[in-house]
């Protein structure tokens, strides 16, 4: 199995990567500002569950299949981009009268969780990440490659949920501080919707399969 020295190096590298805000973090921040810390933390767990599918795929060797097929990669990439843009459009279409601004319509926590799962499940960069990153810490001499990949992947998911939850708490606290601003409350759907749409566009326009 994975030795302690390898685990320490892996954790340090994983934390360095996780602390750099990416699409999942921006999604969680947008949810936290939109609905508060609880929604942000639920989103973080949803994103973590979405990551588990990529962990399982990497352990089973499916990530290698995905990154080796330009068609499969493109399909997942554009599905993920379309879903993010859909979330943004839905947020922009929400209507709230000025006198109702303190109680805007919100997604349920179950919906927030499921959307977090889908956002990361349809993130092809995760397949690339696990395909390129995990093998550096896996050695056939230490036993089953699939088991090692699964263990390291689960550790990565756990670290990701913790770091993402920190972002959620910070963003949710910022939202609470801004609740006295009616202008912010009126405009937060544009902020959240804009974040989702930008993430979708970035995903769609990001580097090609060959890059």
C-alpha atoms as a PDB file:
ATOM      1  CA  UNK A   1       0.000   0.000   0.000  1.00  0.00           C
ATOM      2  CA  UNK A   2       0.955   3.671  -0.041  1.00  0.00           C
ATOM      3  CA  UNK A   3       3.756   4.478   2.423  1.00  0.00           C
ATOM      4  CA  UNK A   4       3.615   7.419   4.844  1.00  0.00           C
ATOM      5  CA  UNK A   5       6.258   9.487   3.021  1.00  0.00           C
ATOM      6  CA  UNK A   6       4.329   9.241  -0.235  1.00  0.00           C
ATOM      7  CA  UNK A   7       1.114  10.165   1.560  1.00  0.00           C
ATOM      8  CA  UNK A   8       2.688  13.304   3.012  1.00  0.00           C
ATOM      9  CA  UNK A   9       4.009  14.433  -0.368  1.00  0.00           C
ATOM     10  CA  UNK A  10       0.651  13.659  -1.981  1.00  0.00           C
ATOM     11  CA  UNK A  11      -1.264  15.635   0.649  1.00  0.00           C
ATOM     12  CA  UNK A  12       1.039  18.633   0.267  1.00  0.00           C
ATOM     13  CA  UNK A  13       0.688  18.593  -3.522  1.00  0.00           C
ATOM     14  CA  UNK A  14      -3.089  18.063  -3.342  1.00  0.00           C
ATOM     15  CA  UNK A  15      -3.582  20.935  -0.888  1.00  0.00           C
ATOM     16  CA  UNK A  16      -1.499  23.250  -3.060  1.00  0.00           C
ATOM     17  CA  UNK A  17      -3.730  22.427  -6.023  1.00  0.00           C
ATOM     18  CA  UNK A  18      -6.979  22.635  -4.044  1.00  0.00           C
ATOM     19  CA  UNK A  19      -6.193  26.043  -2.565  1.00  0.00           C
ATOM     20  CA  UNK A  20      -6.002  27.566  -6.053  1.00  0.00           C
ATOM     21  CA  UNK A  21      -9.602  28.588  -6.913  1.00  0.00           C
ATOM     22  CA  UNK A  22     -10.977  26.680  -9.880  1.00  0.00           C
ATOM     23  CA  UNK A  23     -14.439  26.210 -11.423  1.00  0.00           C
ATOM     24  CA  UNK A  24     -15.738  24.136  -8.492  1.00  0.00           C
ATOM     25  CA  UNK A  25     -14.564  26.714  -5.947  1.00  0.00           C
ATOM     26  CA  UNK A  26     -16.147  29.552  -7.918  1.00  0.00           C
ATOM     27  CA  UNK A  27     -19.398  27.583  -8.071  1.00  0.00           C
ATOM     28  CA  UNK A  28     -19.340  27.071  -4.291  1.00  0.00           C
ATOM     29  CA  UNK A  29     -18.531  30.744  -3.665  1.00  0.00           C
ATOM     30  CA  UNK A  30     -21.409  31.805  -5.909  1.00  0.00           C
ATOM     31  CA  UNK A  31     -23.799  29.489  -4.059  1.00  0.00           C
ATOM     32  CA  UNK A  32     -22.588  30.741  -0.670  1.00  0.00           C
ATOM     33  CA  UNK A  33     -23.066  34.389  -1.600  1.00  0.00           C
ATOM     34  CA  UNK A  34     -26.433  33.593  -3.151  1.00  0.00           C
ATOM     35  CA  UNK A  35     -27.887  31.454  -0.330  1.00  0.00           C
ATOM     36  CA  UNK A  36     -25.506  31.456   2.609  1.00  0.00           C
ATOM     37  CA  UNK A  37     -22.944  29.226   4.286  1.00  0.00           C
ATOM     38  CA  UNK A  38     -25.192  26.153   4.587  1.00  0.00           C
ATOM     39  CA  UNK A  39     -25.839  26.095   0.833  1.00  0.00           C
ATOM     40  CA  UNK A  40     -22.138  26.605   0.173  1.00  0.00           C
ATOM     41  CA  UNK A  41     -21.145  23.711   2.414  1.00  0.00           C
ATOM     42  CA  UNK A  42     -23.807  21.474   0.855  1.00  0.00           C
ATOM     43  CA  UNK A  43     -22.431  22.459  -2.557  1.00  0.00           C
ATOM     44  CA  UNK A  44     -18.947  21.484  -1.372  1.00  0.00           C
ATOM     45  CA  UNK A  45     -20.205  18.013  -0.434  1.00  0.00           C
ATOM     46  CA  UNK A  46     -21.996  17.740  -3.780  1.00  0.00           C
ATOM     47  CA  UNK A  47     -18.801  18.650  -5.598  1.00  0.00           C
ATOM     48  CA  UNK A  48     -16.974  16.054  -3.509  1.00  0.00           C
ATOM     49  CA  UNK A  49     -19.451  13.345  -4.484  1.00  0.00           C
ATOM     50  CA  UNK A  50     -19.048  14.361  -8.131  1.00  0.00           C
ATOM     51  CA  UNK A  51     -15.298  13.938  -7.710  1.00  0.00           C
ATOM     52  CA  UNK A  52     -15.836  10.405  -6.369  1.00  0.00           C
ATOM     53  CA  UNK A  53     -17.088   9.317  -9.789  1.00  0.00           C
ATOM     54  CA  UNK A  54     -13.789  10.448 -11.313  1.00  0.00           C
ATOM     55  CA  UNK A  55     -11.874   8.655  -8.552  1.00  0.00           C
ATOM     56  CA  UNK A  56     -13.738   5.443  -9.329  1.00  0.00           C
ATOM     57  CA  UNK A  57     -13.130   5.945 -13.050  1.00  0.00           C
ATOM     58  CA  UNK A  58      -9.419   6.496 -12.479  1.00  0.00           C
ATOM     59  CA  UNK A  59      -9.187   3.387 -10.312  1.00  0.00           C
ATOM     60  CA  UNK A  60     -10.956   1.372 -13.005  1.00  0.00           C
ATOM     61  CA  UNK A  61      -8.861   2.808 -15.806  1.00  0.00           C
ATOM     62  CA  UNK A  62     -11.791   4.643 -17.429  1.00  0.00           C
ATOM     63  CA  UNK A  63     -10.055   8.017 -17.180  1.00  0.00           C
ATOM     64  CA  UNK A  64      -7.366   6.744 -19.522  1.00  0.00           C
ATOM     65  CA  UNK A  65     -10.101   5.791 -21.992  1.00  0.00           C
ATOM     66  CA  UNK A  66     -11.717   9.227 -21.712  1.00  0.00           C
ATOM     67  CA  UNK A  67      -8.532  11.210 -22.282  1.00  0.00           C
ATOM     68  CA  UNK A  68      -7.570   8.967 -25.184  1.00  0.00           C
ATOM     69  CA  UNK A  69     -10.823   9.673 -27.023  1.00  0.00           C
ATOM     70  CA  UNK A  70     -11.253  13.176 -28.443  1.00  0.00           C
ATOM     71  CA  UNK A  71     -14.964  12.508 -29.025  1.00  0.00           C
ATOM     72  CA  UNK A  72     -15.655  11.302 -25.475  1.00  0.00           C
ATOM     73  CA  UNK A  73     -13.691  14.190 -24.002  1.00  0.00           C
ATOM     74  CA  UNK A  74     -15.541  16.739 -26.132  1.00  0.00           C
ATOM     75  CA  UNK A  75     -18.969  15.311 -25.273  1.00  0.00           C
ATOM     76  CA  UNK A  76     -18.330  15.495 -21.516  1.00  0.00           C
ATOM     77  CA  UNK A  77     -16.697  18.904 -21.843  1.00  0.00           C
ATOM     78  CA  UNK A  78     -19.607  20.499 -23.693  1.00  0.00           C
ATOM     79  CA  UNK A  79     -22.239  18.832 -21.514  1.00  0.00           C
ATOM     80  CA  UNK A  80     -20.538  20.344 -18.466  1.00  0.00           C
ATOM     81  CA  UNK A  81     -20.297  23.765 -20.119  1.00  0.00           C
ATOM     82  CA  UNK A  82     -23.961  23.647 -21.166  1.00  0.00           C
ATOM     83  CA  UNK A  83     -25.074  22.735 -17.653  1.00  0.00           C
ATOM     84  CA  UNK A  84     -23.151  25.630 -16.095  1.00  0.00           C
ATOM     85  CA  UNK A  85     -24.610  28.069 -18.619  1.00  0.00           C
ATOM     86  CA  UNK A  86     -28.084  26.640 -17.945  1.00  0.00           C
ATOM     87  CA  UNK A  87     -27.651  27.310 -14.206  1.00  0.00           C
ATOM     88  CA  UNK A  88     -26.589  30.867 -14.997  1.00  0.00           C
ATOM     89  CA  UNK A  89     -29.567  31.539 -17.247  1.00  0.00           C
ATOM     90  CA  UNK A  90     -31.953  30.108 -14.643  1.00  0.00           C
ATOM     91  CA  UNK A  91     -30.459  32.419 -12.026  1.00  0.00           C
ATOM     92  CA  UNK A  92     -30.708  35.473 -14.303  1.00  0.00           C
ATOM     93  CA  UNK A  93     -34.380  34.667 -15.028  1.00  0.00           C
ATOM     94  CA  UNK A  94     -35.347  34.764 -11.362  1.00  0.00           C
ATOM     95  CA  UNK A  95     -37.616  37.701 -10.614  1.00  0.00           C
ATOM     96  CA  UNK A  96     -37.973  39.524  -7.335  1.00  0.00           C
ATOM     97  CA  UNK A  97     -39.715  42.811  -6.681  1.00  0.00           C
ATOM     98  CA  UNK A  98     -37.757  45.444  -4.720  1.00  0.00           C
ATOM     99  CA  UNK A  99     -40.029  45.010  -1.719  1.00  0.00           C
ATOM    100  CA  UNK A 100     -39.447  41.236  -1.839  1.00  0.00           C
ATOM    101  CA  UNK A 101     -35.697  41.464  -2.158  1.00  0.00           C
ATOM    102  CA  UNK A 102     -35.023  40.254   1.379  1.00  0.00           C
ATOM    103  CA  UNK A 103     -36.595  36.869   0.566  1.00  0.00           C
ATOM    104  CA  UNK A 104     -35.506  35.867  -2.951  1.00  0.00           C
ATOM    105  CA  UNK A 105     -36.464  32.483  -4.346  1.00  0.00           C
ATOM    106  CA  UNK A 106     -33.770  29.916  -3.615  1.00  0.00           C
ATOM    107  CA  UNK A 107     -32.970  26.367  -4.597  1.00  0.00           C
ATOM    108  CA  UNK A 108     -33.520  23.715  -1.940  1.00  0.00           C
ATOM    109  CA  UNK A 109     -30.443  22.200  -0.310  1.00  0.00           C
ATOM    110  CA  UNK A 110     -31.200  18.948  -2.140  1.00  0.00           C
ATOM    111  CA  UNK A 111     -31.126  20.822  -5.448  1.00  0.00           C
ATOM    112  CA  UNK A 112     -27.946  22.635  -4.430  1.00  0.00           C
ATOM    113  CA  UNK A 113     -26.313  19.295  -3.596  1.00  0.00           C
ATOM    114  CA  UNK A 114     -27.367  17.612  -6.852  1.00  0.00           C
ATOM    115  CA  UNK A 115     -26.197  20.582  -8.906  1.00  0.00           C
ATOM    116  CA  UNK A 116     -22.810  20.416  -7.176  1.00  0.00           C
ATOM    117  CA  UNK A 117     -22.554  16.737  -8.085  1.00  0.00           C
ATOM    118  CA  UNK A 118     -23.378  17.431 -11.737  1.00  0.00           C
ATOM    119  CA  UNK A 119     -21.004  20.401 -11.991  1.00  0.00           C
ATOM    120  CA  UNK A 120     -18.003  18.249 -11.025  1.00  0.00           C
ATOM    121  CA  UNK A 121     -19.247  15.049 -12.633  1.00  0.00           C
ATOM    122  CA  UNK A 122     -19.275  16.832 -16.004  1.00  0.00           C
ATOM    123  CA  UNK A 123     -15.839  18.361 -15.485  1.00  0.00           C
ATOM    124  CA  UNK A 124     -13.487  16.615 -17.959  1.00  0.00           C
ATOM    125  CA  UNK A 125     -10.463  18.335 -16.453  1.00  0.00           C
ATOM    126  CA  UNK A 126     -10.857  16.106 -13.403  1.00  0.00           C
ATOM    127  CA  UNK A 127     -10.393  13.028 -15.570  1.00  0.00           C
ATOM    128  CA  UNK A 128      -7.231  14.593 -16.977  1.00  0.00           C
ATOM    129  CA  UNK A 129      -6.099  15.566 -13.495  1.00  0.00           C
ATOM    130  CA  UNK A 130      -6.442  12.111 -12.009  1.00  0.00           C
ATOM    131  CA  UNK A 131      -4.903  10.517 -15.094  1.00  0.00           C
ATOM    132  CA  UNK A 132      -1.832  12.805 -14.872  1.00  0.00           C
ATOM    133  CA  UNK A 133      -1.546  13.357 -11.117  1.00  0.00           C
ATOM    134  CA  UNK A 134      -2.338  10.098  -9.343  1.00  0.00           C
ATOM    135  CA  UNK A 135       0.145   7.873 -11.232  1.00  0.00           C
ATOM    136  CA  UNK A 136       3.020   9.927  -9.798  1.00  0.00           C
ATOM    137  CA  UNK A 137       2.198   8.518  -6.353  1.00  0.00           C
ATOM    138  CA  UNK A 138       1.283   4.972  -7.353  1.00  0.00           C
ATOM    139  CA  UNK A 139       3.753   2.104  -7.613  1.00  0.00           C
ATOM    140  CA  UNK A 140       2.963  -1.442  -8.791  1.00  0.00           C
ATOM    141  CA  UNK A 141       5.622  -2.632  -6.337  1.00  0.00           C
ATOM    142  CA  UNK A 142       3.389  -1.576  -3.436  1.00  0.00           C
ATOM    143  CA  UNK A 143       0.405  -3.672  -4.495  1.00  0.00           C
ATOM    144  CA  UNK A 144      -2.750  -3.138  -6.524  1.00  0.00           C
ATOM    145  CA  UNK A 145      -2.581   0.017  -8.624  1.00  0.00           C
ATOM    146  CA  UNK A 146      -6.382   0.297  -8.559  1.00  0.00           C
ATOM    147  CA  UNK A 147      -6.512   0.133  -4.753  1.00  0.00           C
ATOM    148  CA  UNK A 148      -3.738   2.717  -4.398  1.00  0.00           C
ATOM    149  CA  UNK A 149      -5.490   5.018  -6.867  1.00  0.00           C
ATOM    150  CA  UNK A 150      -8.765   4.632  -4.987  1.00  0.00           C
ATOM    151  CA  UNK A 151      -7.189   5.389  -1.595  1.00  0.00           C
ATOM    152  CA  UNK A 152      -5.338   8.464  -2.871  1.00  0.00           C
ATOM    153  CA  UNK A 153      -8.447   9.626  -4.693  1.00  0.00           C
ATOM    154  CA  UNK A 154     -10.575   9.320  -1.552  1.00  0.00           C
ATOM    155  CA  UNK A 155      -7.968  11.293   0.373  1.00  0.00           C
ATOM    156  CA  UNK A 156      -8.045  13.970  -2.312  1.00  0.00           C
ATOM    157  CA  UNK A 157     -11.855  14.133  -2.082  1.00  0.00           C
ATOM    158  CA  UNK A 158     -11.693  14.514   1.697  1.00  0.00           C
ATOM    159  CA  UNK A 159      -9.139  17.315   1.460  1.00  0.00           C
ATOM    160  CA  UNK A 160     -11.208  18.949  -1.245  1.00  0.00           C
ATOM    161  CA  UNK A 161     -14.386  18.959   0.844  1.00  0.00           C
ATOM    162  CA  UNK A 162     -12.502  20.568   3.745  1.00  0.00           C
ATOM    163  CA  UNK A 163     -10.884  23.289   1.624  1.00  0.00           C
ATOM    164  CA  UNK A 164     -14.080  23.954  -0.328  1.00  0.00           C
ATOM    165  CA  UNK A 165     -16.038  24.230   2.925  1.00  0.00           C
ATOM    166  CA  UNK A 166     -13.603  26.903   4.106  1.00  0.00           C
ATOM    167  CA  UNK A 167     -14.329  28.882   0.947  1.00  0.00           C
ATOM    168  CA  UNK A 168     -18.053  28.363   1.553  1.00  0.00           C
ATOM    169  CA  UNK A 169     -17.865  29.655   5.124  1.00  0.00           C
ATOM    170  CA  UNK A 170     -15.826  32.702   4.111  1.00  0.00           C
ATOM    171  CA  UNK A 171     -18.120  33.541   1.200  1.00  0.00           C
ATOM    172  CA  UNK A 172     -21.214  32.919   3.302  1.00  0.00           C
ATOM    173  CA  UNK A 173     -19.878  35.238   5.984  1.00  0.00           C
ATOM    174  CA  UNK A 174     -19.295  37.913   3.362  1.00  0.00           C
ATOM    175  CA  UNK A 175     -22.873  37.487   2.179  1.00  0.00           C
ATOM    176  CA  UNK A 176     -24.166  37.946   5.722  1.00  0.00           C
ATOM    177  CA  UNK A 177     -22.145  41.147   6.022  1.00  0.00           C
ATOM    178  CA  UNK A 178     -23.644  42.449   2.784  1.00  0.00           C
ATOM    179  CA  UNK A 179     -27.272  41.587   3.598  1.00  0.00           C
ATOM    180  CA  UNK A 180     -27.910  45.155   4.748  1.00  0.00           C
ATOM    181  CA  UNK A 181     -27.200  46.366   1.215  1.00  0.00           C
ATOM    182  CA  UNK A 182     -30.419  46.289  -0.827  1.00  0.00           C
ATOM    183  CA  UNK A 183     -28.424  47.015  -3.966  1.00  0.00           C
ATOM    184  CA  UNK A 184     -26.354  43.878  -3.353  1.00  0.00           C
ATOM    185  CA  UNK A 185     -29.460  41.802  -2.721  1.00  0.00           C
ATOM    186  CA  UNK A 186     -31.011  43.028  -5.966  1.00  0.00           C
ATOM    187  CA  UNK A 187     -27.837  42.376  -7.907  1.00  0.00           C
ATOM    188  CA  UNK A 188     -26.667  39.066  -6.447  1.00  0.00           C
ATOM    189  CA  UNK A 189     -28.659  37.018  -8.950  1.00  0.00           C
ATOM    190  CA  UNK A 190     -26.734  38.802 -11.709  1.00  0.00           C
ATOM    191  CA  UNK A 191     -23.474  38.069  -9.908  1.00  0.00           C
ATOM    192  CA  UNK A 192     -24.287  34.386  -9.394  1.00  0.00           C
ATOM    193  CA  UNK A 193     -25.764  33.961 -12.864  1.00  0.00           C
ATOM    194  CA  UNK A 194     -22.767  35.698 -14.408  1.00  0.00           C
ATOM    195  CA  UNK A 195     -20.366  33.413 -12.525  1.00  0.00           C
ATOM    196  CA  UNK A 196     -22.129  30.283 -13.800  1.00  0.00           C
ATOM    197  CA  UNK A 197     -22.208  31.514 -17.394  1.00  0.00           C
ATOM    198  CA  UNK A 198     -18.546  32.566 -17.311  1.00  0.00           C
ATOM    199  CA  UNK A 199     -17.589  29.151 -15.931  1.00  0.00           C
ATOM    200  CA  UNK A 200     -19.543  27.476 -18.708  1.00  0.00           C
ATOM    201  CA  UNK A 201     -17.867  29.587 -21.376  1.00  0.00           C
ATOM    202  CA  UNK A 202     -14.418  28.988 -19.888  1.00  0.00           C
ATOM    203  CA  UNK A 203     -15.095  25.259 -19.866  1.00  0.00           C
ATOM    204  CA  UNK A 204     -16.301  25.278 -23.472  1.00  0.00           C
ATOM    205  CA  UNK A 205     -13.431  27.435 -24.730  1.00  0.00           C
ATOM    206  CA  UNK A 206     -10.651  25.847 -22.662  1.00  0.00           C
ATOM    207  CA  UNK A 207      -7.804  23.975 -24.267  1.00  0.00           C
ATOM    208  CA  UNK A 208      -8.622  21.253 -26.740  1.00  0.00           C
ATOM    209  CA  UNK A 209      -8.154  17.539 -26.153  1.00  0.00           C
ATOM    210  CA  UNK A 210      -4.803  17.635 -27.918  1.00  0.00           C
ATOM    211  CA  UNK A 211      -3.366  20.578 -25.941  1.00  0.00           C
END
